[in-house]
Protein backbone atom coordinates (compact mmCIF):
# COMPACT_ATOMS: atom_id res chain seq x y z
CA MET A 1 1.98 -45.16 1.85
CA ARG A 2 2.07 -48.81 2.87
CA LEU A 3 4.99 -50.92 3.96
CA ASN A 4 4.93 -54.24 2.10
CA ARG A 5 8.16 -56.17 2.47
CA ARG A 6 7.10 -58.77 -0.10
CA ALA A 7 7.41 -55.99 -2.71
CA ALA A 8 11.18 -56.18 -2.37
CA LEU A 9 11.25 -59.69 -3.81
CA LEU A 10 12.47 -60.42 -7.30
CA GLY A 11 8.97 -60.41 -8.73
CA ALA A 12 8.31 -56.76 -7.96
CA GLY A 13 9.21 -55.57 -11.44
CA ALA A 14 6.91 -58.15 -12.99
CA THR A 15 4.09 -57.02 -10.69
CA VAL A 16 4.36 -53.44 -11.93
CA ALA A 17 4.68 -54.53 -15.55
CA ALA A 18 1.58 -56.66 -15.16
CA GLY A 19 -0.29 -53.69 -13.70
CA LEU A 20 0.71 -51.60 -16.70
CA ALA A 21 -0.18 -54.30 -19.21
CA ALA A 22 -3.64 -55.03 -17.78
CA GLY A 23 -6.34 -53.99 -20.18
CA THR A 24 -4.05 -53.29 -23.13
CA ALA A 25 -4.99 -54.45 -26.60
CA GLY A 26 -1.84 -56.50 -27.06
CA ALA A 27 1.61 -57.19 -25.70
CA GLN A 28 4.27 -54.55 -26.19
CA THR A 29 7.17 -55.88 -28.22
CA THR A 30 9.48 -52.83 -28.42
CA LEU A 31 10.57 -50.12 -26.05
CA ARG A 32 8.74 -46.83 -26.24
CA ILE A 33 11.19 -43.93 -26.71
CA ARG A 34 10.47 -40.64 -24.97
CA ARG A 35 11.75 -37.74 -27.10
CA SER A 36 12.41 -34.07 -26.49
CA ALA A 37 9.33 -31.88 -26.90
CA GLY A 38 11.56 -29.11 -28.25
CA GLU A 39 12.48 -31.24 -31.25
CA LEU A 40 8.93 -32.33 -32.13
CA THR A 41 6.28 -30.51 -34.14
CA ALA A 42 2.50 -30.44 -34.15
CA ALA A 43 2.62 -33.14 -36.86
CA SER A 44 4.87 -35.56 -34.92
CA ASP A 45 3.22 -38.91 -34.20
CA ASP A 46 3.49 -38.67 -30.42
CA VAL A 47 2.19 -35.09 -30.36
CA VAL A 48 -0.77 -35.98 -32.59
CA ALA A 49 -1.59 -39.03 -30.45
CA PHE A 50 -1.35 -37.10 -27.18
CA GLY A 51 -3.63 -34.35 -28.48
CA GLU A 52 -6.17 -36.84 -29.79
CA ALA A 53 -6.17 -38.76 -26.51
CA VAL A 54 -6.72 -35.57 -24.51
CA ARG A 55 -9.63 -34.68 -26.78
CA LEU A 56 -11.19 -38.13 -26.37
CA MET A 57 -10.58 -38.34 -22.62
CA LYS A 58 -12.19 -34.95 -21.98
CA ARG A 59 -15.42 -36.32 -23.50
CA ARG A 60 -15.50 -39.43 -21.35
CA ARG A 61 -17.07 -39.84 -17.92
CA ASP A 62 -15.59 -43.22 -16.99
CA GLY A 63 -12.27 -44.54 -15.71
CA LEU A 64 -10.54 -43.36 -18.88
CA SER A 65 -11.63 -39.74 -18.55
CA TRP A 66 -9.28 -36.78 -18.26
CA ASP A 67 -11.08 -35.81 -15.06
CA ARG A 68 -10.16 -39.19 -13.60
CA GLN A 69 -6.44 -38.52 -14.13
CA VAL A 70 -6.79 -35.08 -12.53
CA ARG A 71 -8.61 -36.63 -9.59
CA ILE A 72 -6.01 -39.39 -9.18
CA HIS A 73 -3.28 -36.81 -8.85
CA HIS A 74 -5.33 -34.68 -6.47
CA VAL A 75 -6.21 -37.54 -4.13
CA ASP A 76 -3.40 -40.08 -4.30
CA ALA A 77 -0.25 -38.32 -5.52
CA GLN A 78 2.78 -38.33 -3.27
CA HIS A 79 4.37 -34.92 -2.66
CA GLY A 80 6.88 -33.67 -0.14
CA ASN A 81 8.38 -37.08 0.62
CA GLY A 82 10.54 -39.85 -0.78
CA LEU A 83 7.70 -41.41 -2.78
CA PHE A 84 7.31 -38.38 -5.05
CA LEU A 85 9.43 -39.80 -7.87
CA PRO A 86 8.12 -43.41 -8.07
CA TRP A 87 4.47 -42.35 -7.70
CA HIS A 88 4.65 -39.86 -10.58
CA ARG A 89 6.64 -42.30 -12.72
CA LEU A 90 3.88 -44.88 -12.43
CA GLN A 91 1.03 -42.46 -13.10
CA LEU A 92 2.80 -41.28 -16.25
CA ALA A 93 3.53 -44.83 -17.40
CA HIS A 94 -0.13 -45.78 -16.99
CA LEU A 95 -1.28 -42.72 -18.93
CA GLU A 96 1.02 -43.69 -21.80
CA ARG A 97 -0.75 -47.05 -22.07
CA ILE A 98 -4.14 -45.30 -22.00
CA VAL A 99 -3.12 -42.96 -24.82
CA ALA A 100 -1.83 -45.90 -26.86
CA ARG A 101 -5.08 -47.81 -26.47
CA LEU A 102 -7.42 -44.90 -27.21
CA THR A 103 -5.53 -43.73 -30.29
CA GLY A 104 -4.12 -46.97 -31.71
CA HIS A 105 -0.62 -45.45 -31.64
CA ASP A 106 0.86 -48.47 -29.87
CA SER A 107 4.38 -47.02 -29.55
CA PHE A 108 3.24 -43.74 -27.97
CA ALA A 109 5.76 -42.27 -25.53
CA MET A 110 5.23 -39.05 -23.60
CA PRO A 111 7.56 -36.28 -24.85
CA TYR A 112 9.69 -34.58 -22.21
CA TRP A 113 10.09 -30.81 -21.97
CA ASP A 114 13.56 -29.78 -20.78
CA TRP A 115 13.31 -26.11 -19.79
CA GLN A 116 17.10 -25.75 -19.83
CA GLU A 117 17.65 -27.07 -23.34
CA HIS A 118 14.45 -25.67 -24.89
CA ARG A 119 13.80 -22.50 -22.96
CA PHE A 120 10.27 -21.73 -24.22
CA LEU A 121 7.06 -23.76 -24.17
CA PRO A 122 6.56 -25.85 -27.33
CA ALA A 123 4.48 -23.98 -29.91
CA TRP A 124 2.08 -26.91 -30.15
CA VAL A 125 0.96 -26.43 -26.52
CA THR A 126 0.51 -22.64 -26.83
CA ASP A 127 -1.57 -22.83 -30.03
CA ARG A 128 -5.12 -21.96 -28.97
CA ASP A 129 -6.53 -24.38 -31.54
CA SER A 130 -4.55 -27.31 -30.14
CA PRO A 131 -6.19 -29.83 -27.78
CA LEU A 132 -3.00 -29.44 -25.70
CA PHE A 133 -3.68 -25.76 -25.04
CA GLU A 134 -4.74 -24.86 -21.49
CA ARG A 135 -6.36 -21.47 -21.05
CA GLU A 136 -5.51 -21.28 -17.33
CA ARG A 137 -1.81 -20.45 -17.54
CA ALA A 138 0.12 -17.43 -16.32
CA ARG A 139 -0.11 -14.25 -18.35
CA GLY A 140 2.78 -13.99 -20.82
CA VAL A 141 3.82 -17.62 -20.35
CA ASP A 142 3.90 -18.20 -24.12
CA GLU A 143 6.89 -15.82 -24.41
CA LEU A 144 8.57 -16.65 -21.10
CA ASP A 145 12.23 -17.73 -21.14
CA PHE A 146 11.94 -20.47 -18.53
CA ALA A 147 15.68 -21.01 -18.09
CA ALA A 148 16.27 -17.33 -17.32
CA ALA A 149 13.22 -17.13 -15.06
CA ARG A 150 14.12 -20.30 -13.15
CA TRP A 151 17.76 -19.40 -12.47
CA ALA A 152 16.76 -15.86 -11.48
CA GLU A 153 14.73 -17.31 -8.61
CA SER A 154 17.26 -19.69 -7.07
CA PRO A 155 20.82 -20.88 -7.78
CA TYR A 156 20.23 -24.34 -6.34
CA THR A 157 19.05 -27.59 -7.88
CA ALA A 158 19.77 -31.32 -7.75
CA ARG A 159 23.32 -32.62 -8.19
CA LEU A 160 23.10 -35.66 -10.41
CA ALA A 161 26.62 -36.90 -9.75
CA SER A 162 26.86 -36.43 -5.99
CA ASP A 163 23.48 -36.19 -4.21
CA ASP A 164 22.68 -39.00 -1.79
CA PHE A 165 19.27 -40.67 -1.70
CA GLU A 166 17.50 -38.40 0.78
CA THR A 167 18.97 -35.22 -0.70
CA PHE A 168 17.83 -36.15 -4.20
CA CYS A 169 14.67 -38.23 -3.69
CA GLY A 170 13.36 -36.93 -0.34
CA LYS A 171 12.71 -38.29 3.11
CA LEU A 172 10.02 -40.39 4.77
CA PRO A 173 7.55 -39.62 6.14
CA GLU A 174 7.98 -35.94 5.14
CA GLY A 175 10.66 -33.99 3.33
CA GLN A 176 11.15 -32.99 -0.29
CA GLY A 177 14.24 -33.89 -2.24
CA MET A 178 16.15 -31.27 -4.20
CA VAL A 179 14.73 -32.50 -7.49
CA GLU A 180 11.19 -31.86 -6.22
CA GLY A 181 11.75 -28.64 -4.29
CA TYR A 182 14.03 -26.87 -6.75
CA GLY A 183 13.48 -28.54 -10.13
CA HIS A 184 9.81 -29.43 -10.01
CA ASN A 185 8.09 -26.74 -7.95
CA HIS A 186 9.49 -23.76 -9.86
CA ILE A 187 8.14 -24.90 -13.22
CA HIS A 188 4.68 -25.51 -11.80
CA ALA A 189 4.62 -21.96 -10.43
CA LEU A 190 6.04 -20.35 -13.58
CA ILE A 191 3.46 -21.99 -15.87
CA GLY A 192 0.78 -20.98 -13.38
CA GLY A 193 -2.97 -21.44 -13.63
CA ALA A 194 -4.03 -25.03 -13.11
CA MET A 195 -0.38 -26.04 -12.64
CA ARG A 196 -0.08 -24.14 -9.35
CA HIS A 197 -1.91 -26.68 -7.18
CA PRO A 198 -1.92 -30.50 -6.95
CA ARG A 199 -5.73 -30.60 -7.09
CA THR A 200 -5.76 -29.15 -10.63
CA SER A 201 -2.25 -29.44 -12.09
CA ALA A 202 -2.76 -32.69 -14.04
CA ARG A 203 -5.46 -30.92 -16.07
CA ASP A 204 -2.81 -28.98 -18.02
CA PRO A 205 -1.08 -31.16 -20.67
CA MET A 206 2.16 -29.38 -19.74
CA PHE A 207 1.99 -31.26 -16.43
CA TRP A 208 2.75 -34.51 -18.25
CA LEU A 209 5.56 -33.07 -20.41
CA HIS A 210 7.13 -31.52 -17.30
CA HIS A 211 6.90 -34.73 -15.27
CA SER A 212 8.36 -36.71 -18.14
CA ASN A 213 11.45 -34.51 -17.82
CA VAL A 214 11.49 -34.80 -14.01
CA ASP A 215 11.41 -38.57 -14.50
CA ARG A 216 14.31 -38.22 -16.98
CA VAL A 217 16.31 -36.39 -14.31
CA TRP A 218 15.66 -39.31 -11.95
CA ALA A 219 16.68 -41.81 -14.65
CA THR A 220 19.96 -39.91 -15.07
CA TRP A 221 20.70 -39.84 -11.31
CA HIS A 222 19.69 -43.51 -11.09
CA GLY A 223 22.31 -44.44 -13.67
CA LEU A 224 25.01 -42.35 -12.01
CA ARG A 225 24.24 -42.85 -8.32
CA GLY A 226 20.94 -44.43 -7.44
CA LYS A 227 21.36 -48.14 -8.02
CA ASP A 228 23.48 -48.59 -4.89
CA LEU A 229 21.71 -46.02 -2.71
CA TYR A 230 18.05 -47.05 -2.46
CA PRO A 231 17.14 -48.06 1.13
CA ALA A 232 15.59 -51.49 1.51
CA ASP A 233 12.66 -50.13 3.55
CA TRP A 234 11.89 -47.59 0.83
CA LYS A 235 11.97 -50.24 -1.91
CA ALA A 236 9.57 -52.32 0.17
CA LEU A 237 6.87 -49.61 0.08
CA THR A 238 3.92 -49.56 -2.29
CA VAL A 239 2.11 -46.74 -4.07
CA THR A 240 -1.45 -46.71 -5.32
CA GLY A 241 -4.25 -44.83 -7.09
CA PHE A 242 -3.65 -45.69 -10.75
CA VAL A 243 -5.98 -47.02 -13.44
CA ASP A 244 -4.96 -49.30 -16.30
CA ALA A 245 -5.61 -48.96 -20.03
CA ALA A 246 -9.14 -50.30 -19.54
CA GLY A 247 -9.90 -47.67 -16.90
CA GLU A 248 -9.87 -50.20 -14.05
CA PRO A 249 -8.11 -49.62 -10.70
CA VAL A 250 -4.69 -51.23 -10.58
CA GLY A 251 -4.23 -51.54 -6.82
CA ASP A 252 -1.00 -51.23 -4.86
CA LEU A 253 2.26 -51.39 -6.83
CA PRO A 254 5.74 -51.91 -5.34
CA VAL A 255 8.28 -49.11 -5.45
CA SER A 256 11.00 -51.69 -6.14
CA GLY A 257 9.40 -52.44 -9.51
CA ALA A 258 9.57 -48.81 -10.64
CA LEU A 259 13.32 -48.23 -10.54
CA GLU A 260 14.26 -49.24 -14.10
CA THR A 261 12.54 -47.50 -17.02
CA ARG A 262 13.20 -50.40 -19.39
CA ALA A 263 11.29 -52.74 -17.07
CA LEU A 264 8.30 -50.40 -17.49
CA GLY A 265 8.62 -50.48 -21.28
CA TYR A 266 10.26 -47.16 -22.08
CA GLU A 267 13.54 -45.25 -22.18
CA TYR A 268 14.72 -41.77 -23.14
CA ASP A 269 16.34 -40.81 -26.41
CA ARG A 270 19.07 -39.27 -24.24
CA LEU A 271 19.46 -38.68 -20.54
CA TYR A 272 19.88 -35.33 -18.82
CA PRO A 273 22.97 -33.38 -19.98
CA PHE A 274 25.30 -34.54 -17.23
CA PRO A 275 28.00 -31.81 -17.62
CA VAL A 276 25.45 -29.16 -16.62
CA PHE A 277 25.65 -30.44 -13.05
CA ASN A 278 29.29 -31.52 -12.97
CA VAL A 279 31.55 -28.56 -12.12
CA PRO A 280 35.16 -29.66 -11.52
CA GLU A 281 37.00 -28.35 -8.50
CA ALA A 282 39.61 -25.64 -9.04
CA GLY A 283 42.84 -25.68 -7.11
CA PRO A 284 46.59 -24.99 -7.41
CA PRO A 285 48.29 -25.89 -10.72
CA GLY A 286 48.56 -29.64 -11.02
CA ALA A 287 46.17 -30.35 -8.13
CA THR A 288 43.01 -32.32 -8.90
CA ARG A 289 41.38 -33.06 -5.54
CA ARG A 290 41.24 -32.13 -1.88
CA VAL A 291 42.29 -34.74 0.68
CA PRO A 292 40.33 -34.50 3.98
CA LEU A 293 42.42 -34.03 7.11
CA GLY A 294 39.68 -33.79 9.74
CA GLY A 295 36.92 -31.48 10.77
CA ARG A 296 33.97 -30.68 13.00
CA SER A 297 30.17 -30.65 12.73
CA TRP A 298 27.41 -28.68 14.43
CA THR A 299 23.72 -29.62 14.47
CA LEU A 300 21.37 -26.67 14.96
CA ARG A 301 17.60 -26.40 15.31
CA ALA A 302 15.18 -23.59 16.16
CA ALA A 303 11.42 -23.52 16.52
CA ALA A 304 9.18 -20.74 15.24
CA GLU A 305 7.18 -18.46 17.48
CA PRO A 306 3.43 -19.24 17.49
CA GLY A 307 1.66 -17.25 14.79
CA SER A 308 4.87 -16.42 12.90
CA ASP A 309 5.54 -17.13 9.21
CA ARG A 310 9.32 -16.74 9.61
CA MET A 311 12.17 -18.09 11.72
CA SER A 312 15.95 -18.01 11.96
CA LEU A 313 18.96 -19.58 13.65
CA ALA A 314 22.47 -18.29 14.30
CA LEU A 315 25.61 -20.12 13.22
CA PRO A 316 28.12 -20.93 16.00
CA ASP A 317 30.72 -18.20 16.57
CA GLU A 318 33.56 -20.73 16.28
CA ALA A 319 32.35 -21.92 12.89
CA VAL A 320 31.87 -18.37 11.63
CA ALA A 321 35.38 -17.35 12.70
CA ARG A 322 36.95 -20.29 10.85
CA MET A 323 34.96 -19.60 7.68
CA ARG A 324 35.89 -15.92 7.70
CA GLU A 325 39.60 -16.75 7.69
CA ALA A 326 39.29 -19.65 5.24
CA ASP A 327 41.27 -20.26 2.07
CA ASP A 328 40.51 -22.85 -0.59
CA THR A 329 41.53 -25.74 1.67
CA LEU A 330 38.38 -25.49 3.82
CA MET A 331 35.39 -27.55 2.68
CA ILE A 332 31.92 -26.47 3.82
CA GLU A 333 28.94 -28.79 3.77
CA ALA A 334 25.72 -27.34 5.17
CA VAL A 335 22.50 -29.31 4.79
CA GLY A 336 19.26 -28.11 6.34
CA ALA A 337 15.50 -28.02 6.11
CA VAL A 338 12.60 -25.72 6.98
CA ALA A 339 9.11 -26.83 7.93
CA TYR A 340 5.68 -25.19 7.84
CA ALA A 341 2.25 -26.37 8.87
CA ARG A 342 0.55 -28.12 5.94
CA GLU A 343 -2.46 -25.86 5.50
CA ALA A 344 -4.28 -23.87 2.83
CA ALA A 345 -2.60 -20.66 4.02
CA LEU A 346 0.71 -22.03 2.70
CA GLU A 347 -0.52 -22.17 -0.89
CA ASP A 348 0.76 -19.54 -3.32
CA ARG A 349 3.82 -18.74 -1.21
CA SER A 350 7.51 -18.89 -1.91
CA LEU A 351 9.81 -20.08 0.86
CA GLU A 352 12.80 -17.72 0.84
CA ILE A 353 15.85 -19.00 2.71
CA ARG A 354 18.74 -16.57 3.22
CA LEU A 355 22.10 -16.34 4.92
CA ALA A 356 22.83 -12.90 6.41
CA SER A 357 26.19 -11.47 7.48
CA GLY A 358 27.16 -7.86 8.23
CA GLY A 359 24.00 -6.40 6.72
CA ARG A 360 24.33 -8.37 3.48
CA GLU A 361 22.41 -11.47 2.36
CA ARG A 362 22.73 -14.43 0.03
CA SER A 363 19.92 -16.72 -1.13
CA LEU A 364 20.22 -20.32 0.06
CA GLY A 365 17.11 -21.46 -1.73
CA SER A 366 13.86 -20.10 -3.05
CA SER A 367 11.04 -22.47 -3.80
CA PRO A 368 7.36 -21.84 -4.52
CA THR A 369 5.12 -24.04 -2.41
CA PHE A 370 3.37 -26.96 -4.07
CA VAL A 371 1.21 -28.10 -1.19
CA HIS A 372 -0.82 -31.29 -1.22
CA ILE A 373 -3.68 -30.60 1.22
CA PRO A 374 -4.97 -34.06 2.19
CA GLU A 375 -8.55 -35.19 2.05
CA VAL A 376 -9.94 -37.05 5.03
CA GLY A 377 -8.46 -40.52 5.23
CA HIS A 378 -5.43 -39.82 3.04
CA THR A 379 -1.74 -39.18 3.67
CA HIS A 380 0.26 -35.92 3.78
CA ARG A 381 -0.79 -34.96 7.30
CA GLY A 382 2.70 -34.01 8.47
CA PRO A 383 4.44 -30.66 7.97
CA TYR A 384 5.54 -29.27 4.63
CA VAL A 385 9.33 -29.67 4.60
CA LEU A 386 11.74 -28.02 2.14
CA PRO A 387 15.51 -28.74 2.07
CA PHE A 388 18.32 -26.27 1.50
CA ARG A 389 22.10 -26.36 1.45
CA PHE A 390 25.21 -24.28 0.94
CA GLY A 391 28.97 -24.68 0.59
CA GLU A 392 32.05 -22.62 -0.14
CA GLU A 393 30.05 -20.20 -2.28
CA VAL A 394 29.18 -18.25 0.91
CA LEU A 395 32.81 -17.51 1.85
CA ASN A 396 33.03 -14.17 0.06
CA LEU A 397 29.92 -12.90 1.82
CA LEU A 398 31.21 -14.00 5.23
CA ALA A 399 34.68 -12.55 4.70
CA ALA A 400 33.22 -9.14 3.85
CA GLY A 401 31.12 -8.91 7.02
CA GLU A 402 31.41 -8.88 10.79
CA GLY A 403 29.22 -9.99 13.66
CA PRO A 404 26.64 -12.77 13.82
CA VAL A 405 25.69 -14.94 10.83
CA THR A 406 22.12 -16.14 10.59
CA VAL A 407 20.07 -18.41 8.36
CA SER A 408 16.44 -17.35 8.09
CA VAL A 409 13.31 -18.28 6.17
CA ALA A 410 10.13 -16.37 5.35
CA ALA A 411 7.02 -17.33 3.40
CA GLU A 412 6.67 -14.67 0.71
CA ASP A 413 3.08 -14.16 -0.44
CA LEU A 414 2.82 -14.56 -4.22
CA LEU A 415 -0.83 -13.41 -4.20
CA PRO A 416 -0.91 -10.59 -1.63
CA GLU A 417 -4.11 -9.21 -3.14
CA ALA A 418 -5.95 -12.27 -1.80
CA GLY A 419 -5.59 -10.99 1.79
CA ARG A 420 -5.08 -14.47 3.28
CA PRO A 421 -3.85 -15.26 6.80
CA GLU A 422 -0.13 -15.90 7.23
CA PRO A 423 1.04 -19.53 7.28
CA GLN A 424 2.50 -21.01 10.46
CA ALA A 425 6.24 -21.70 10.45
CA ALA A 426 7.26 -24.79 12.43
CA TRP A 427 11.04 -25.29 12.63
CA ILE A 428 14.38 -24.78 10.90
CA GLU A 429 17.36 -27.11 11.25
CA LEU A 430 20.90 -27.24 9.90
CA LYS A 431 23.90 -29.57 10.03
CA LEU A 432 27.10 -27.64 9.32
CA THR A 433 30.35 -29.53 8.69
CA LEU A 434 33.75 -27.86 8.21
CA THR A 435 36.50 -30.11 6.89
CA GLU A 436 40.18 -29.16 6.74
CA THR A 437 41.88 -30.47 3.58
CA ARG A 438 45.02 -30.30 1.51
CA TRP A 439 45.27 -30.25 -2.27
CA ALA A 440 46.83 -33.26 -3.97
């Protein structure tokens, strides 16, 4: 990543648009509309164009080849930090222009696959005769109910109406946002095969349908929260690695020019279903909100033992006592992160974060690792950092137990038959805030 403060100027959006337009056959006059993959068929214009482009690109050996897109993602993609969303938005936008040029379908827009709304993979990507079929996927994936499988693994995801910038988008230089760690990673692991690792994932056409939906989630959060939350230093950064519709390198593009989908020439037929992530508070009859009266915070951190793949920290006794006696006037906000060494041994793991009390446990987050192992001279040299959080949902567990309360993490091996060495845990940290309130 490069800091370029000139990118924050008014012309940033035009710079990105110019990078997208370079090499195209003609100027775009209308917005491209990204539509739900679950409502399209094998005969839909965008599906036909995508399949034909994949077929053509797999035959090429130049800048417009399918291998080039796979390589771009392997080498230059941003993962595990706050540039994850803008980098993937721009790669996808450039691929759309390539598809349009190669097929002549000038209005091509990448369909999005929403695993909550349409729980199974589209039939036109599981058809073995389709150019969008990828033979390296998990066994049984054609019949997998993705919504059931995803929610069975972890109850946490992004909050489109309340997450702040770092919680949603991620941190710099290292640290995934909730949308990456708990919305993005799970689907990569569930589809399996090429999708499991950054070095191969862009080879599967499902990669692009999945990232179109991840981008749609960002567009929804942007409209609800993001416009006023983007840090100036983050908007001043640039991302790189893309090729235009002629197969030529684009160069560095400013993050500030990638915030509005319409400025990049596309929009969604509808944004993410907002009520899914908007659960109203429940209180006494007639009460609608809790008014803060004051509270206290604790910041905790623990380092892992050398050679260990797990670590834990204990919550303060004072905080535990207050939570065990709590009623619905106590607000709990716990935001934390776990870190592991960024190494090959971390691949094909699932980071399992749990809260334990009185011999019982509750999951605080479960996320399969999607580890970008850097090549020499590239970024991603810091630790692999995954966030987690919890709130009042842990009160029942705490009230039913006695003694210490701990938060722990372990790296579960998803491929134990491989006999690989254990990954190295680095640290776990947590900020716990208890706020006394009254209902009004």
